[in-house]
């Protein structure tokens, strides 16, 4: 039995999480947070003060095709999509961006800011459509 996936969609986490909302909720309990690249880090969480708690994202989110359905894209052949902030795409080396541009369709789009949906963020949608064999 062969299954043909018609779509593979990838997105960077910085366009879907609201870290401030989570950390503010934790701080409402009077818990002091430490600096971290993760969502939060709570020092000395146990009575002996020897255990730290790392808060990491384990998200259950709606499928990106539903979340970003307002972005018009190709839907015909099997394809791969990647969505990222334009600033992230521009951080790639120029040679990488040129390779992507020659092999894929690029589209500048506006997406809702996960921290404030009333604001829009500049994003880049990359699409690669597989050739029929």
N, C-alpha and C. Protein backbone atom coordinates (compact mmCIF):
# COMPACT_ATOMS: atom_id res chain seq x y z
N UNK A 1 0.85 -1.17 0.00
CA UNK A 1 0.00 0.00 0.00
C UNK A 1 0.90 1.23 0.00
N UNK A 2 0.60 2.20 -0.86
CA UNK A 2 1.39 3.41 -0.97
C UNK A 2 0.50 4.60 -0.62
N UNK A 3 1.02 5.45 0.26
CA UNK A 3 0.32 6.68 0.60
C UNK A 3 1.06 7.84 -0.02
N UNK A 4 0.37 8.72 -0.71
CA UNK A 4 0.98 9.89 -1.30
C UNK A 4 0.57 11.10 -0.47
N UNK A 5 1.54 11.70 0.16
CA UNK A 5 1.27 12.93 0.90
C UNK A 5 1.24 14.06 -0.10
N UNK A 6 0.23 14.87 -0.04
CA UNK A 6 0.12 15.98 -0.98
C UNK A 6 0.74 17.25 -0.42
N UNK A 7 1.02 17.28 0.88
CA UNK A 7 1.55 18.51 1.47
C UNK A 7 2.40 18.20 2.68
N UNK A 8 3.53 18.85 2.76
CA UNK A 8 4.34 18.86 3.96
C UNK A 8 4.59 20.33 4.27
N UNK A 9 4.18 20.78 5.45
CA UNK A 9 4.30 22.18 5.80
C UNK A 9 5.15 22.33 7.05
N UNK A 10 6.12 23.23 7.01
CA UNK A 10 6.99 23.49 8.16
C UNK A 10 6.85 24.95 8.54
N UNK A 11 7.02 25.23 9.82
CA UNK A 11 7.00 26.62 10.28
C UNK A 11 7.94 26.78 11.45
N UNK A 12 8.46 27.97 11.62
CA UNK A 12 9.32 28.24 12.75
C UNK A 12 8.45 28.58 13.96
N UNK A 13 8.90 28.17 15.16
CA UNK A 13 8.12 28.36 16.38
C UNK A 13 7.87 29.80 16.74
N UNK A 14 8.72 30.71 16.27
CA UNK A 14 8.55 32.11 16.65
C UNK A 14 7.35 32.76 15.99
N UNK A 15 6.64 32.05 15.13
CA UNK A 15 5.44 32.62 14.55
C UNK A 15 4.18 31.99 15.12
N UNK A 16 4.32 31.27 16.23
CA UNK A 16 3.13 30.62 16.76
C UNK A 16 3.02 30.58 18.28
N UNK A 17 4.03 31.00 18.98
CA UNK A 17 3.93 30.90 20.43
C UNK A 17 3.87 32.28 21.07
N UNK A 18 3.29 32.34 22.23
CA UNK A 18 3.21 33.59 22.99
C UNK A 18 3.90 33.36 24.32
N UNK A 19 5.21 33.49 24.33
CA UNK A 19 6.01 33.24 25.51
C UNK A 19 5.64 34.18 26.66
N UNK A 20 5.37 35.43 26.33
CA UNK A 20 5.05 36.41 27.39
C UNK A 20 3.80 36.02 28.17
N UNK A 21 2.79 35.51 27.46
CA UNK A 21 1.54 35.13 28.13
C UNK A 21 1.81 34.01 29.15
N UNK A 22 2.65 33.06 28.76
CA UNK A 22 2.95 31.94 29.65
C UNK A 22 3.77 32.40 30.85
N UNK A 23 4.83 33.17 30.59
CA UNK A 23 5.68 33.61 31.71
C UNK A 23 4.92 34.55 32.64
N UNK A 24 4.06 35.41 32.10
CA UNK A 24 3.26 36.29 32.96
C UNK A 24 2.33 35.48 33.86
N UNK A 25 1.75 34.40 33.32
CA UNK A 25 0.86 33.55 34.12
C UNK A 25 1.63 32.89 35.27
N UNK A 26 2.86 32.45 34.99
CA UNK A 26 3.69 31.83 36.04
C UNK A 26 4.04 32.86 37.12
N UNK A 27 4.40 34.06 36.70
CA UNK A 27 4.80 35.11 37.64
C UNK A 27 3.65 35.59 38.51
N UNK A 28 2.40 35.41 38.05
CA UNK A 28 1.25 35.80 38.85
C UNK A 28 1.18 35.02 40.17
N UNK A 29 1.82 33.85 40.21
CA UNK A 29 1.86 33.05 41.44
C UNK A 29 3.01 33.46 42.34
N UNK A 30 3.71 34.55 42.01
CA UNK A 30 4.81 35.02 42.82
C UNK A 30 6.09 34.21 42.62
N UNK A 31 6.18 33.51 41.53
CA UNK A 31 7.36 32.68 41.24
C UNK A 31 8.35 33.51 40.43
N UNK A 32 9.59 33.50 40.88
CA UNK A 32 10.64 34.25 40.19
C UNK A 32 11.25 33.39 39.10
N UNK A 33 11.35 33.96 37.91
CA UNK A 33 11.90 33.23 36.77
C UNK A 33 13.34 33.65 36.49
N UNK A 34 14.12 32.72 35.96
CA UNK A 34 15.51 32.98 35.56
C UNK A 34 15.56 33.18 34.06
N UNK A 35 16.62 33.87 33.58
CA UNK A 35 16.83 34.05 32.14
C UNK A 35 17.05 32.70 31.48
N UNK A 36 16.45 32.51 30.32
CA UNK A 36 16.61 31.26 29.58
C UNK A 36 16.19 31.45 28.14
N UNK A 37 16.63 30.55 27.27
CA UNK A 37 16.17 30.56 25.88
C UNK A 37 14.89 29.75 25.74
N UNK A 38 14.55 28.99 26.77
CA UNK A 38 13.31 28.22 26.77
C UNK A 38 12.17 29.13 27.20
N UNK A 39 11.01 28.58 27.43
CA UNK A 39 9.88 29.42 27.83
C UNK A 39 10.14 30.04 29.20
N UNK A 40 10.57 29.22 30.14
CA UNK A 40 10.85 29.72 31.49
C UNK A 40 11.77 28.76 32.22
N UNK A 41 12.41 29.27 33.25
CA UNK A 41 13.23 28.44 34.14
C UNK A 41 12.99 28.94 35.56
N UNK A 42 12.59 28.02 36.42
CA UNK A 42 12.30 28.36 37.81
C UNK A 42 13.38 27.71 38.67
N UNK A 43 14.11 28.54 39.40
CA UNK A 43 15.19 28.04 40.24
C UNK A 43 14.64 27.58 41.59
N UNK A 44 15.28 26.58 42.16
CA UNK A 44 14.99 26.09 43.53
C UNK A 44 13.50 25.84 43.74
N UNK A 45 12.95 24.98 42.93
CA UNK A 45 11.52 24.69 42.96
C UNK A 45 11.12 23.79 44.13
N UNK A 46 12.08 23.07 44.69
CA UNK A 46 11.79 22.12 45.78
C UNK A 46 12.15 22.73 47.14
N UNK A 47 11.67 22.13 48.24
CA UNK A 47 11.95 22.68 49.58
C UNK A 47 13.44 22.75 49.93
N UNK A 48 14.27 21.86 49.39
CA UNK A 48 15.70 21.89 49.66
C UNK A 48 16.44 22.91 48.79
N UNK A 49 15.77 23.41 47.79
CA UNK A 49 16.40 24.40 46.91
C UNK A 49 17.46 23.81 45.99
N UNK A 50 17.33 22.53 45.65
CA UNK A 50 18.34 21.89 44.81
C UNK A 50 17.83 21.51 43.41
N UNK A 51 16.56 21.83 43.14
CA UNK A 51 15.97 21.43 41.87
C UNK A 51 15.47 22.65 41.11
N UNK A 52 15.84 22.71 39.83
CA UNK A 52 15.34 23.75 38.93
C UNK A 52 14.31 23.12 38.00
N UNK A 53 13.34 23.91 37.57
CA UNK A 53 12.32 23.44 36.65
C UNK A 53 12.46 24.19 35.34
N UNK A 54 12.63 23.45 34.25
CA UNK A 54 12.69 24.04 32.91
C UNK A 54 11.32 23.89 32.26
N UNK A 55 10.74 24.99 31.85
CA UNK A 55 9.44 24.99 31.19
C UNK A 55 9.70 25.06 29.69
N UNK A 56 9.28 24.00 28.99
CA UNK A 56 9.50 23.91 27.55
C UNK A 56 8.17 23.75 26.84
N UNK A 57 8.17 24.15 25.60
CA UNK A 57 6.94 24.04 24.81
C UNK A 57 6.69 22.63 24.34
N UNK A 58 5.50 22.16 24.60
CA UNK A 58 5.02 20.91 24.03
C UNK A 58 3.62 21.25 23.53
N UNK A 59 3.59 21.83 22.35
CA UNK A 59 2.39 22.45 21.84
C UNK A 59 1.48 21.45 21.14
N UNK A 60 0.21 21.64 21.33
CA UNK A 60 -0.81 20.96 20.53
C UNK A 60 -1.52 22.10 19.81
N UNK A 61 -1.22 22.24 18.53
CA UNK A 61 -1.74 23.38 17.79
C UNK A 61 -2.60 22.91 16.63
N UNK A 62 -3.37 23.84 16.11
CA UNK A 62 -4.15 23.55 14.91
C UNK A 62 -3.18 23.36 13.75
N UNK A 63 -3.61 22.59 12.76
CA UNK A 63 -2.77 22.36 11.58
C UNK A 63 -2.46 23.70 10.92
N UNK A 64 -1.20 23.92 10.54
CA UNK A 64 -0.83 25.20 9.92
C UNK A 64 -1.67 25.58 8.70
N UNK A 65 -2.16 24.59 7.95
CA UNK A 65 -2.99 24.93 6.79
C UNK A 65 -4.31 25.58 7.22
N UNK A 66 -4.76 25.31 8.43
CA UNK A 66 -5.96 25.96 8.96
C UNK A 66 -5.62 27.32 9.58
N UNK A 67 -4.51 27.37 10.33
CA UNK A 67 -4.11 28.61 10.98
C UNK A 67 -3.81 29.70 9.95
N UNK A 68 -3.13 29.31 8.87
CA UNK A 68 -2.71 30.28 7.86
C UNK A 68 -3.52 30.14 6.57
N UNK A 69 -4.79 29.77 6.70
CA UNK A 69 -5.62 29.56 5.51
C UNK A 69 -5.84 30.84 4.71
N UNK A 70 -5.60 31.99 5.30
CA UNK A 70 -5.78 33.26 4.61
C UNK A 70 -4.64 33.56 3.64
N UNK A 71 -3.60 32.71 3.62
CA UNK A 71 -2.50 32.88 2.68
C UNK A 71 -2.80 32.02 1.45
N UNK A 72 -2.92 32.65 0.30
CA UNK A 72 -3.23 31.94 -0.93
C UNK A 72 -1.97 31.24 -1.45
N UNK A 73 -2.07 29.94 -1.69
CA UNK A 73 -0.93 29.16 -2.17
C UNK A 73 -1.37 28.15 -3.21
N UNK A 74 -0.37 27.50 -3.81
CA UNK A 74 -0.65 26.44 -4.78
C UNK A 74 -1.21 25.23 -4.05
N UNK A 75 -2.11 24.52 -4.70
CA UNK A 75 -2.70 23.34 -4.07
C UNK A 75 -2.72 22.13 -4.99
N UNK A 76 -2.09 22.20 -6.15
CA UNK A 76 -2.24 21.13 -7.15
C UNK A 76 -1.38 19.90 -6.84
N UNK A 77 -0.14 19.90 -7.25
CA UNK A 77 0.73 18.74 -7.10
C UNK A 77 1.24 18.63 -5.67
N UNK A 78 1.79 17.47 -5.31
CA UNK A 78 2.42 17.36 -3.98
C UNK A 78 3.51 18.42 -3.82
N UNK A 79 3.55 19.03 -2.67
CA UNK A 79 4.51 20.11 -2.47
C UNK A 79 4.89 20.25 -1.01
N UNK A 80 5.95 21.00 -0.79
CA UNK A 80 6.44 21.31 0.55
C UNK A 80 6.35 22.82 0.73
N UNK A 81 5.91 23.24 1.89
CA UNK A 81 5.84 24.66 2.22
C UNK A 81 6.64 24.91 3.49
N UNK A 82 7.29 26.05 3.54
CA UNK A 82 7.96 26.50 4.76
C UNK A 82 7.56 27.95 4.98
N UNK A 83 7.17 28.28 6.19
CA UNK A 83 6.75 29.64 6.52
C UNK A 83 7.62 30.13 7.65
N UNK A 84 8.21 31.31 7.47
CA UNK A 84 9.07 31.88 8.51
C UNK A 84 9.01 33.40 8.43
N UNK A 85 9.41 34.04 9.52
CA UNK A 85 9.50 35.50 9.50
C UNK A 85 10.52 35.90 8.45
N UNK A 86 10.25 37.00 7.77
CA UNK A 86 11.17 37.47 6.73
C UNK A 86 12.54 37.75 7.32
N UNK A 87 12.59 38.24 8.53
CA UNK A 87 13.88 38.51 9.18
C UNK A 87 14.68 37.22 9.35
N UNK A 88 14.01 36.10 9.61
CA UNK A 88 14.69 34.81 9.71
C UNK A 88 15.23 34.40 8.35
N UNK A 89 14.39 34.52 7.30
CA UNK A 89 14.83 34.16 5.95
C UNK A 89 16.03 35.01 5.53
N UNK A 90 15.98 36.30 5.83
CA UNK A 90 17.07 37.20 5.46
C UNK A 90 18.34 36.94 6.26
N UNK A 91 18.23 36.20 7.36
CA UNK A 91 19.42 35.87 8.16
C UNK A 91 20.22 34.72 7.53
N UNK A 92 19.62 34.02 6.55
CA UNK A 92 20.34 32.95 5.85
C UNK A 92 21.41 33.57 4.97
N UNK A 93 22.47 32.83 4.74
CA UNK A 93 23.53 33.31 3.84
C UNK A 93 22.95 33.58 2.47
N UNK A 94 23.51 34.58 1.77
CA UNK A 94 23.00 34.97 0.46
C UNK A 94 22.99 33.79 -0.52
N UNK A 95 24.03 32.95 -0.49
CA UNK A 95 24.08 31.79 -1.39
C UNK A 95 22.92 30.84 -1.17
N UNK A 96 22.56 30.62 0.10
CA UNK A 96 21.44 29.74 0.43
C UNK A 96 20.13 30.35 -0.08
N UNK A 97 19.96 31.65 0.14
CA UNK A 97 18.73 32.32 -0.32
C UNK A 97 18.61 32.25 -1.84
N UNK A 98 19.72 32.40 -2.55
CA UNK A 98 19.69 32.33 -4.02
C UNK A 98 19.32 30.93 -4.48
N UNK A 99 19.86 29.90 -3.81
CA UNK A 99 19.51 28.52 -4.16
C UNK A 99 18.02 28.27 -3.95
N UNK A 100 17.51 28.73 -2.83
CA UNK A 100 16.08 28.57 -2.55
C UNK A 100 15.25 29.28 -3.60
N UNK A 101 15.66 30.51 -3.95
CA UNK A 101 14.90 31.31 -4.92
C UNK A 101 14.88 30.67 -6.31
N UNK A 102 15.94 29.97 -6.68
CA UNK A 102 15.98 29.35 -8.01
C UNK A 102 15.19 28.04 -8.06
N UNK A 103 15.04 27.37 -6.93
CA UNK A 103 14.37 26.06 -6.91
C UNK A 103 12.94 26.11 -6.38
N UNK A 104 12.59 27.20 -5.73
CA UNK A 104 11.29 27.28 -5.06
C UNK A 104 10.57 28.57 -5.43
N UNK A 105 9.28 28.59 -5.16
CA UNK A 105 8.50 29.82 -5.28
C UNK A 105 8.56 30.55 -3.95
N UNK A 106 8.86 31.83 -3.98
CA UNK A 106 8.88 32.65 -2.77
C UNK A 106 7.73 33.63 -2.82
N UNK A 107 7.10 33.82 -1.67
CA UNK A 107 5.99 34.76 -1.59
C UNK A 107 6.12 35.55 -0.29
N UNK A 108 6.11 36.88 -0.40
CA UNK A 108 6.08 37.72 0.79
C UNK A 108 4.64 37.80 1.26
N UNK A 109 4.42 37.48 2.53
CA UNK A 109 3.06 37.47 3.08
C UNK A 109 3.05 38.19 4.42
N UNK A 110 1.87 38.53 4.86
CA UNK A 110 1.66 39.11 6.19
C UNK A 110 0.94 38.07 7.03
N UNK A 111 1.45 37.84 8.25
CA UNK A 111 0.79 36.89 9.15
C UNK A 111 0.50 37.59 10.47
N UNK A 112 -0.45 37.05 11.20
CA UNK A 112 -0.81 37.64 12.49
C UNK A 112 0.31 37.41 13.50
N UNK A 113 0.58 38.42 14.30
CA UNK A 113 1.55 38.32 15.38
C UNK A 113 0.93 37.46 16.48
N UNK A 114 1.59 36.35 16.88
CA UNK A 114 0.99 35.49 17.91
C UNK A 114 0.85 36.19 19.27
N UNK A 115 1.64 37.25 19.50
CA UNK A 115 1.55 37.98 20.76
C UNK A 115 0.50 39.08 20.73
N UNK A 116 0.09 39.48 19.51
CA UNK A 116 -0.94 40.49 19.36
C UNK A 116 -1.54 40.34 17.95
N UNK A 117 -2.60 39.56 17.81
CA UNK A 117 -3.17 39.25 16.48
C UNK A 117 -3.60 40.48 15.68
N UNK A 118 -3.76 41.64 16.34
CA UNK A 118 -4.13 42.85 15.60
C UNK A 118 -2.96 43.37 14.77
N UNK A 119 -1.74 42.98 15.13
CA UNK A 119 -0.55 43.40 14.39
C UNK A 119 -0.14 42.32 13.40
N UNK A 120 0.35 42.75 12.25
CA UNK A 120 0.80 41.82 11.23
C UNK A 120 2.32 41.81 11.16
N UNK A 121 2.88 40.64 10.86
CA UNK A 121 4.32 40.46 10.73
C UNK A 121 4.66 40.12 9.29
N UNK A 122 5.82 40.59 8.84
CA UNK A 122 6.30 40.22 7.51
C UNK A 122 6.84 38.80 7.57
N UNK A 123 6.38 37.97 6.65
CA UNK A 123 6.82 36.57 6.61
C UNK A 123 7.14 36.19 5.17
N UNK A 124 7.89 35.10 5.05
CA UNK A 124 8.23 34.56 3.74
C UNK A 124 7.70 33.14 3.65
N UNK A 125 6.94 32.87 2.60
CA UNK A 125 6.42 31.54 2.32
C UNK A 125 7.26 30.95 1.20
N UNK A 126 7.83 29.79 1.45
CA UNK A 126 8.64 29.08 0.47
C UNK A 126 7.86 27.84 0.05
N UNK A 127 7.69 27.65 -1.27
CA UNK A 127 6.95 26.49 -1.77
C UNK A 127 7.80 25.76 -2.80
N UNK A 128 7.86 24.46 -2.63
CA UNK A 128 8.53 23.60 -3.63
C UNK A 128 7.50 22.61 -4.11
N UNK A 129 7.27 22.59 -5.42
CA UNK A 129 6.30 21.67 -6.00
C UNK A 129 7.05 20.54 -6.69
N UNK A 130 6.70 19.30 -6.35
CA UNK A 130 7.34 18.15 -6.95
C UNK A 130 6.91 17.99 -8.40
N UNK A 131 7.85 17.63 -9.24
CA UNK A 131 7.57 17.40 -10.66
C UNK A 131 6.92 16.02 -10.80
N UNK A 132 5.95 15.93 -11.69
CA UNK A 132 5.28 14.65 -11.95
C UNK A 132 6.26 13.73 -12.68
N UNK A 133 6.29 12.47 -12.26
CA UNK A 133 7.21 11.54 -12.94
C UNK A 133 6.47 10.49 -13.72
